[in-house]
Amino acid sequence: MTNVRVKITFPEHLIKQPIIARLVREFDVMPNIRRANVEEHVGWIVCELGGEDDAVERAIEWLHDLGVEVDRLGDVVES
């Protein structure tokens, strides 16, 4: 099991898509959303993706393939 902290940035054409729900269903990855902002033209989520190592990596690769920007974050304290 692993926990990877990421910032996921969605382009405008994907904002209304159920991408987080698909992560849970298709990859058995559990997102723990720490912070988020979704607006009409852009959206981002800072979350921890928990699950089996290979499932988390496949989920991140799938996000990249969709055109979602995924930035891995270190252990940053959010304010």
PDB file of N, CA and C in Angstrom:
ATOM      1  N   MET A   1       0.849  -1.193   0.000  1.00  0.00           N
ATOM      2  CA  MET A   1       0.000   0.000   0.000  1.00  0.00           C
ATOM      3  C   MET A   1       0.881   1.238   0.000  1.00  0.00           C
ATOM      4  N   THR A   2       0.411   2.241  -0.699  1.00  0.00           N
ATOM      5  CA  THR A   2       1.146   3.485  -0.785  1.00  0.00           C
ATOM      6  C   THR A   2       0.181   4.656  -0.704  1.00  0.00           C
ATOM      7  N   ASN A   3       0.710   5.803  -0.345  1.00  0.00           N
ATOM      8  CA  ASN A   3      -0.008   7.072  -0.352  1.00  0.00           C
ATOM      9  C   ASN A   3       0.858   8.068  -1.102  1.00  0.00           C
ATOM     10  N   VAL A   4       0.346   8.590  -2.210  1.00  0.00           N
ATOM     11  CA  VAL A   4       1.084   9.556  -3.007  1.00  0.00           C
ATOM     12  C   VAL A   4       0.320  10.870  -2.976  1.00  0.00           C
ATOM     13  N   ARG A   5       0.992  11.937  -2.570  1.00  0.00           N
ATOM     14  CA  ARG A   5       0.360  13.256  -2.543  1.00  0.00           C
ATOM     15  C   ARG A   5       0.587  13.928  -3.889  1.00  0.00           C
ATOM     16  N   VAL A   6      -0.513  14.375  -4.502  1.00  0.00           N
ATOM     17  CA  VAL A   6      -0.443  14.963  -5.837  1.00  0.00           C
ATOM     18  C   VAL A   6      -1.323  16.195  -5.927  1.00  0.00           C
ATOM     19  N   LYS A   7      -0.981  17.042  -6.897  1.00  0.00           N
ATOM     20  CA  LYS A   7      -1.870  18.129  -7.313  1.00  0.00           C
ATOM     21  C   LYS A   7      -2.329  17.770  -8.714  1.00  0.00           C
ATOM     22  N   ILE A   8      -3.624  17.647  -8.889  1.00  0.00           N
ATOM     23  CA  ILE A   8      -4.218  17.275 -10.167  1.00  0.00           C
ATOM     24  C   ILE A   8      -4.890  18.517 -10.737  1.00  0.00           C
ATOM     25  N   THR A   9      -4.491  18.912 -11.943  1.00  0.00           N
ATOM     26  CA  THR A   9      -5.059  20.091 -12.593  1.00  0.00           C
ATOM     27  C   THR A   9      -5.813  19.650 -13.845  1.00  0.00           C
ATOM     28  N   PHE A  10      -7.072  19.990 -13.887  1.00  0.00           N
ATOM     29  CA  PHE A  10      -7.951  19.578 -14.982  1.00  0.00           C
ATOM     30  C   PHE A  10      -8.082  20.691 -16.015  1.00  0.00           C
ATOM     31  N   PRO A  11      -7.920  20.361 -17.297  1.00  0.00           N
ATOM     32  CA  PRO A  11      -8.195  21.359 -18.326  1.00  0.00           C
ATOM     33  C   PRO A  11      -9.704  21.586 -18.445  1.00  0.00           C
ATOM     34  N   GLU A  12     -10.078  22.664 -19.067  1.00  0.00           N
ATOM     35  CA  GLU A  12     -11.480  23.080 -19.138  1.00  0.00           C
ATOM     36  C   GLU A  12     -12.403  21.987 -19.678  1.00  0.00           C
ATOM     37  N   HIS A  13     -11.981  21.272 -20.695  1.00  0.00           N
ATOM     38  CA  HIS A  13     -12.871  20.283 -21.316  1.00  0.00           C
ATOM     39  C   HIS A  13     -13.106  19.043 -20.448  1.00  0.00           C
ATOM     40  N   LEU A  14     -12.367  18.897 -19.346  1.00  0.00           N
ATOM     41  CA  LEU A  14     -12.541  17.729 -18.464  1.00  0.00           C
ATOM     42  C   LEU A  14     -13.166  18.065 -17.112  1.00  0.00           C
ATOM     43  N   ILE A  15     -13.449  19.338 -16.868  1.00  0.00           N
ATOM     44  CA  ILE A  15     -13.922  19.744 -15.538  1.00  0.00           C
ATOM     45  C   ILE A  15     -15.218  19.043 -15.136  1.00  0.00           C
ATOM     46  N   LYS A  16     -16.112  18.833 -16.071  1.00  0.00           N
ATOM     47  CA  LYS A  16     -17.412  18.238 -15.731  1.00  0.00           C
ATOM     48  C   LYS A  16     -17.416  16.714 -15.800  1.00  0.00           C
ATOM     49  N   GLN A  17     -16.291  16.103 -16.089  1.00  0.00           N
ATOM     50  CA  GLN A  17     -16.201  14.647 -16.179  1.00  0.00           C
ATOM     51  C   GLN A  17     -15.985  14.032 -14.785  1.00  0.00           C
ATOM     52  N   PRO A  18     -16.529  12.835 -14.529  1.00  0.00           N
ATOM     53  CA  PRO A  18     -16.397  12.186 -13.216  1.00  0.00           C
ATOM     54  C   PRO A  18     -15.060  11.441 -13.082  1.00  0.00           C
ATOM     55  N   ILE A  19     -13.977  12.152 -13.222  1.00  0.00           N
ATOM     56  CA  ILE A  19     -12.650  11.539 -13.258  1.00  0.00           C
ATOM     57  C   ILE A  19     -12.266  10.921 -11.914  1.00  0.00           C
ATOM     58  N   ILE A  20     -12.541  11.593 -10.831  1.00  0.00           N
ATOM     59  CA  ILE A  20     -12.189  11.051  -9.512  1.00  0.00           C
ATOM     60  C   ILE A  20     -12.995   9.784  -9.238  1.00  0.00           C
ATOM     61  N   ALA A  21     -14.254   9.768  -9.600  1.00  0.00           N
ATOM     62  CA  ALA A  21     -15.074   8.565  -9.419  1.00  0.00           C
ATOM     63  C   ALA A  21     -14.508   7.400 -10.231  1.00  0.00           C
ATOM     64  N   ARG A  22     -14.030   7.678 -11.430  1.00  0.00           N
ATOM     65  CA  ARG A  22     -13.442   6.619 -12.253  1.00  0.00           C
ATOM     66  C   ARG A  22     -12.140   6.095 -11.649  1.00  0.00           C
ATOM     67  N   LEU A  23     -11.362   6.966 -11.001  1.00  0.00           N
ATOM     68  CA  LEU A  23     -10.149   6.508 -10.314  1.00  0.00           C
ATOM     69  C   LEU A  23     -10.496   5.451  -9.272  1.00  0.00           C
ATOM     70  N   VAL A  24     -11.544   5.728  -8.511  1.00  0.00           N
ATOM     71  CA  VAL A  24     -11.953   4.803  -7.459  1.00  0.00           C
ATOM     72  C   VAL A  24     -12.435   3.489  -8.060  1.00  0.00           C
ATOM     73  N   ARG A  25     -13.315   3.577  -9.042  1.00  0.00           N
ATOM     74  CA  ARG A  25     -13.940   2.393  -9.614  1.00  0.00           C
ATOM     75  C   ARG A  25     -12.986   1.555 -10.459  1.00  0.00           C
ATOM     76  N   GLU A  26     -12.231   2.199 -11.332  1.00  0.00           N
ATOM     77  CA  GLU A  26     -11.421   1.456 -12.297  1.00  0.00           C
ATOM     78  C   GLU A  26     -10.049   1.042 -11.783  1.00  0.00           C
ATOM     79  N   PHE A  27      -9.507   1.797 -10.816  1.00  0.00           N
ATOM     80  CA  PHE A  27      -8.145   1.513 -10.356  1.00  0.00           C
ATOM     81  C   PHE A  27      -8.080   1.115  -8.887  1.00  0.00           C
ATOM     82  N   ASP A  28      -9.215   1.140  -8.197  1.00  0.00           N
ATOM     83  CA  ASP A  28      -9.257   0.824  -6.774  1.00  0.00           C
ATOM     84  C   ASP A  28      -8.293   1.709  -5.992  1.00  0.00           C
ATOM     85  N   VAL A  29      -8.275   2.989  -6.367  1.00  0.00           N
ATOM     86  CA  VAL A  29      -7.439   3.998  -5.710  1.00  0.00           C
ATOM     87  C   VAL A  29      -8.365   4.893  -4.894  1.00  0.00           C
ATOM     88  N   MET A  30      -7.978   5.159  -3.653  1.00  0.00           N
ATOM     89  CA  MET A  30      -8.800   5.963  -2.767  1.00  0.00           C
ATOM     90  C   MET A  30      -8.209   7.368  -2.633  1.00  0.00           C
ATOM     91  N   PRO A  31      -8.885   8.385  -3.178  1.00  0.00           N
ATOM     92  CA  PRO A  31      -8.392   9.756  -3.032  1.00  0.00           C
ATOM     93  C   PRO A  31      -8.833  10.355  -1.692  1.00  0.00           C
ATOM     94  N   ASN A  32      -7.910  11.013  -1.030  1.00  0.00           N
ATOM     95  CA  ASN A  32      -8.213  11.769   0.183  1.00  0.00           C
ATOM     96  C   ASN A  32      -7.988  13.227  -0.193  1.00  0.00           C
ATOM     97  N   ILE A  33      -9.063  13.933  -0.509  1.00  0.00           N
ATOM     98  CA  ILE A  33      -8.967  15.310  -1.009  1.00  0.00           C
ATOM     99  C   ILE A  33      -8.648  16.239   0.154  1.00  0.00           C
ATOM    100  N   ARG A  34      -7.543  16.970   0.005  1.00  0.00           N
ATOM    101  CA  ARG A  34      -7.085  17.885   1.043  1.00  0.00           C
ATOM    102  C   ARG A  34      -7.477  19.334   0.745  1.00  0.00           C
ATOM    103  N   ARG A  35      -7.534  19.664  -0.517  1.00  0.00           N
ATOM    104  CA  ARG A  35      -7.864  21.028  -0.934  1.00  0.00           C
ATOM    105  C   ARG A  35      -8.284  20.965  -2.394  1.00  0.00           C
ATOM    106  N   ALA A  36      -9.206  21.829  -2.793  1.00  0.00           N
ATOM    107  CA  ALA A  36      -9.652  21.820  -4.184  1.00  0.00           C
ATOM    108  C   ALA A  36     -10.219  23.183  -4.564  1.00  0.00           C
ATOM    109  N   ASN A  37     -10.177  23.456  -5.856  1.00  0.00           N
ATOM    110  CA  ASN A  37     -10.792  24.658  -6.414  1.00  0.00           C
ATOM    111  C   ASN A  37     -11.232  24.316  -7.828  1.00  0.00           C
ATOM    112  N   VAL A  38     -12.521  24.419  -8.063  1.00  0.00           N
ATOM    113  CA  VAL A  38     -13.047  24.131  -9.391  1.00  0.00           C
ATOM    114  C   VAL A  38     -13.832  25.346  -9.851  1.00  0.00           C
ATOM    115  N   GLU A  39     -13.424  25.867 -10.997  1.00  0.00           N
ATOM    116  CA  GLU A  39     -14.090  27.017 -11.587  1.00  0.00           C
ATOM    117  C   GLU A  39     -14.538  26.650 -12.989  1.00  0.00           C
ATOM    118  N   GLU A  40     -15.087  27.602 -13.696  1.00  0.00           N
ATOM    119  CA  GLU A  40     -15.633  27.325 -15.026  1.00  0.00           C
ATOM    120  C   GLU A  40     -14.570  26.881 -16.026  1.00  0.00           C
ATOM    121  N   HIS A  41     -13.367  27.430 -15.946  1.00  0.00           N
ATOM    122  CA  HIS A  41     -12.352  27.178 -16.972  1.00  0.00           C
ATOM    123  C   HIS A  41     -11.183  26.317 -16.515  1.00  0.00           C
ATOM    124  N   VAL A  42     -11.044  26.116 -15.233  1.00  0.00           N
ATOM    125  CA  VAL A  42      -9.938  25.302 -14.729  1.00  0.00           C
ATOM    126  C   VAL A  42     -10.317  24.761 -13.356  1.00  0.00           C
ATOM    127  N   GLY A  43      -9.755  23.623 -13.026  1.00  0.00           N
ATOM    128  CA  GLY A  43      -9.989  23.051 -11.705  1.00  0.00           C
ATOM    129  C   GLY A  43      -8.757  22.318 -11.235  1.00  0.00           C
ATOM    130  N   TRP A  44      -8.528  22.300  -9.931  1.00  0.00           N
ATOM    131  CA  TRP A  44      -7.399  21.557  -9.370  1.00  0.00           C
ATOM    132  C   TRP A  44      -7.800  20.938  -8.039  1.00  0.00           C
ATOM    133  N   ILE A  45      -7.121  19.853  -7.731  1.00  0.00           N
ATOM    134  CA  ILE A  45      -7.338  19.138  -6.480  1.00  0.00           C
ATOM    135  C   ILE A  45      -5.975  18.751  -5.924  1.00  0.00           C
ATOM    136  N   VAL A  46      -5.755  18.988  -4.648  1.00  0.00           N
ATOM    137  CA  VAL A  46      -4.592  18.453  -3.950  1.00  0.00           C
ATOM    138  C   VAL A  46      -5.123  17.288  -3.128  1.00  0.00           C
ATOM    139  N   CYS A  47      -4.579  16.110  -3.363  1.00  0.00           N
ATOM    140  CA  CYS A  47      -5.076  14.944  -2.654  1.00  0.00           C
ATOM    141  C   CYS A  47      -3.981  13.902  -2.473  1.00  0.00           C
ATOM    142  N   GLU A  48      -4.283  12.942  -1.626  1.00  0.00           N
ATOM    143  CA  GLU A  48      -3.433  11.776  -1.447  1.00  0.00           C
ATOM    144  C   GLU A  48      -4.131  10.625  -2.146  1.00  0.00           C
ATOM    145  N   LEU A  49      -3.410   9.931  -3.007  1.00  0.00           N
ATOM    146  CA  LEU A  49      -3.952   8.761  -3.683  1.00  0.00           C
ATOM    147  C   LEU A  49      -3.435   7.531  -2.960  1.00  0.00           C
ATOM    148  N   GLY A  50      -4.328   6.782  -2.355  1.00  0.00           N
ATOM    149  CA  GLY A  50      -3.938   5.601  -1.606  1.00  0.00           C
ATOM    150  C   GLY A  50      -4.356   4.332  -2.317  1.00  0.00           C
ATOM    151  N   GLY A  51      -3.521   3.308  -2.210  1.00  0.00           N
ATOM    152  CA  GLY A  51      -3.845   2.027  -2.816  1.00  0.00           C
ATOM    153  C   GLY A  51      -2.589   1.217  -3.053  1.00  0.00           C
ATOM    154  N   GLU A  52      -2.743   0.119  -3.776  1.00  0.00           N
ATOM    155  CA  GLU A  52      -1.592  -0.701  -4.141  1.00  0.00           C
ATOM    156  C   GLU A  52      -0.664   0.115  -5.039  1.00  0.00           C
ATOM    157  N   ASP A  53       0.643  -0.084  -4.883  1.00  0.00           N
ATOM    158  CA  ASP A  53       1.627   0.699  -5.629  1.00  0.00           C
ATOM    159  C   ASP A  53       1.349   0.727  -7.122  1.00  0.00           C
ATOM    160  N   ASP A  54       1.125  -0.446  -7.723  1.00  0.00           N
ATOM    161  CA  ASP A  54       0.931  -0.498  -9.167  1.00  0.00           C
ATOM    162  C   ASP A  54      -0.388   0.143  -9.579  1.00  0.00           C
ATOM    163  N   ALA A  55      -1.429   0.052  -8.745  1.00  0.00           N
ATOM    164  CA  ALA A  55      -2.718   0.671  -9.056  1.00  0.00           C
ATOM    165  C   ALA A  55      -2.599   2.188  -9.050  1.00  0.00           C
ATOM    166  N   VAL A  56      -1.881   2.739  -8.081  1.00  0.00           N
ATOM    167  CA  VAL A  56      -1.688   4.188  -8.010  1.00  0.00           C
ATOM    168  C   VAL A  56      -0.900   4.667  -9.221  1.00  0.00           C
ATOM    169  N   GLU A  57       0.153   3.948  -9.584  1.00  0.00           N
ATOM    170  CA  GLU A  57       0.955   4.344 -10.754  1.00  0.00           C
ATOM    171  C   GLU A  57       0.150   4.261 -12.045  1.00  0.00           C
ATOM    172  N   ARG A  58      -0.663   3.221 -12.193  1.00  0.00           N
ATOM    173  CA  ARG A  58      -1.515   3.097 -13.385  1.00  0.00           C
ATOM    174  C   ARG A  58      -2.548   4.216 -13.433  1.00  0.00           C
ATOM    175  N   ALA A  59      -3.098   4.588 -12.273  1.00  0.00           N
ATOM    176  CA  ALA A  59      -4.072   5.674 -12.207  1.00  0.00           C
ATOM    177  C   ALA A  59      -3.435   6.999 -12.622  1.00  0.00           C
ATOM    178  N   ILE A  60      -2.223   7.260 -12.138  1.00  0.00           N
ATOM    179  CA  ILE A  60      -1.523   8.498 -12.506  1.00  0.00           C
ATOM    180  C   ILE A  60      -1.221   8.512 -13.996  1.00  0.00           C
ATOM    181  N   GLU A  61      -0.809   7.394 -14.549  1.00  0.00           N
ATOM    182  CA  GLU A  61      -0.541   7.307 -15.989  1.00  0.00           C
ATOM    183  C   GLU A  61      -1.822   7.542 -16.788  1.00  0.00           C
ATOM    184  N   TRP A  62      -2.928   6.991 -16.330  1.00  0.00           N
ATOM    185  CA  TRP A  62      -4.216   7.186 -16.990  1.00  0.00           C
ATOM    186  C   TRP A  62      -4.605   8.663 -16.986  1.00  0.00           C
ATOM    187  N   LEU A  63      -4.394   9.341 -15.851  1.00  0.00           N
ATOM    188  CA  LEU A  63      -4.678  10.775 -15.783  1.00  0.00           C
ATOM    189  C   LEU A  63      -3.853  11.540 -16.809  1.00  0.00           C
ATOM    190  N   HIS A  64      -2.552  11.228 -16.898  1.00  0.00           N
ATOM    191  CA  HIS A  64      -1.680  11.867 -17.893  1.00  0.00           C
ATOM    192  C   HIS A  64      -2.225  11.644 -19.301  1.00  0.00           C
ATOM    193  N   ASP A  65      -2.623  10.400 -19.585  1.00  0.00           N
ATOM    194  CA  ASP A  65      -3.133  10.066 -20.917  1.00  0.00           C
ATOM    195  C   ASP A  65      -4.404  10.838 -21.257  1.00  0.00           C
ATOM    196  N   LEU A  66      -5.207  11.158 -20.240  1.00  0.00           N
ATOM    197  CA  LEU A  66      -6.419  11.954 -20.461  1.00  0.00           C
ATOM    198  C   LEU A  66      -6.114  13.417 -20.747  1.00  0.00           C
ATOM    199  N   GLY A  67      -4.927  13.862 -20.378  1.00  0.00           N
ATOM    200  CA  GLY A  67      -4.583  15.270 -20.534  1.00  0.00           C
ATOM    201  C   GLY A  67      -4.660  16.047 -19.237  1.00  0.00           C
ATOM    202  N   VAL A  68      -4.744  15.320 -18.128  1.00  0.00           N
ATOM    203  CA  VAL A  68      -4.761  15.933 -16.802  1.00  0.00           C
ATOM    204  C   VAL A  68      -3.321  16.098 -16.335  1.00  0.00           C
ATOM    205  N   GLU A  69      -3.004  17.262 -15.785  1.00  0.00           N
ATOM    206  CA  GLU A  69      -1.659  17.504 -15.256  1.00  0.00           C
ATOM    207  C   GLU A  69      -1.577  16.954 -13.838  1.00  0.00           C
ATOM    208  N   VAL A  70      -0.580  16.117 -13.585  1.00  0.00           N
ATOM    209  CA  VAL A  70      -0.398  15.532 -12.256  1.00  0.00           C
ATOM    210  C   VAL A  70       0.996  15.889 -11.762  1.00  0.00           C
ATOM    211  N   ASP A  71       1.054  16.628 -10.670  1.00  0.00           N
ATOM    212  CA  ASP A  71       2.326  17.002 -10.049  1.00  0.00           C
ATOM    213  C   ASP A  71       2.434  16.287  -8.715  1.00  0.00           C
ATOM    214  N   ARG A  72       3.504  15.534  -8.552  1.00  0.00           N
ATOM    215  CA  ARG A  72       3.737  14.869  -7.261  1.00  0.00           C
ATOM    216  C   ARG A  72       4.259  15.903  -6.279  1.00  0.00           C
ATOM    217  N   LEU A  73       3.717  15.864  -5.068  1.00  0.00           N
ATOM    218  CA  LEU A  73       4.099  16.816  -4.029  1.00  0.00           C
ATOM    219  C   LEU A  73       4.841  16.088  -2.920  1.00  0.00           C
ATOM    220  N   GLY A  74       5.712  16.806  -2.242  1.00  0.00           N
ATOM    221  CA  GLY A  74       6.385  16.263  -1.083  1.00  0.00           C
ATOM    222  C   GLY A  74       5.482  16.371   0.122  1.00  0.00           C
ATOM    223  N   ASP A  75       6.024  16.143   1.278  1.00  0.00           N
ATOM    224  CA  ASP A  75       5.278  16.295   2.512  1.00  0.00           C
ATOM    225  C   ASP A  75       5.207  17.764   2.865  1.00  0.00           C
ATOM    226  N   VAL A  76       4.192  18.442   2.308  1.00  0.00           N
ATOM    227  CA  VAL A  76       4.023  19.869   2.493  1.00  0.00           C
ATOM    228  C   VAL A  76       2.865  20.095   3.446  1.00  0.00           C
ATOM    229  N   VAL A  77       3.080  20.938   4.431  1.00  0.00           N
ATOM    230  CA  VAL A  77       1.995  21.298   5.336  1.00  0.00           C
ATOM    231  C   VAL A  77       1.183  22.397   4.672  1.00  0.00           C
ATOM    232  N   GLU A  78      -0.122  22.155   4.525  1.00  0.00           N
ATOM    233  CA  GLU A  78      -0.989  23.121   3.862  1.00  0.00           C
ATOM    234  C   GLU A  78      -1.606  24.050   4.891  1.00  0.00           C
ATOM    235  N   SER A  79      -1.730  25.315   4.500  1.00  0.00           N
ATOM    236  CA  SER A  79      -2.359  26.276   5.413  1.00  0.00           C
ATOM    237  C   SER A  79      -3.646  26.793   4.841  1.00  0.00           C
TER     238      SER A  79
END
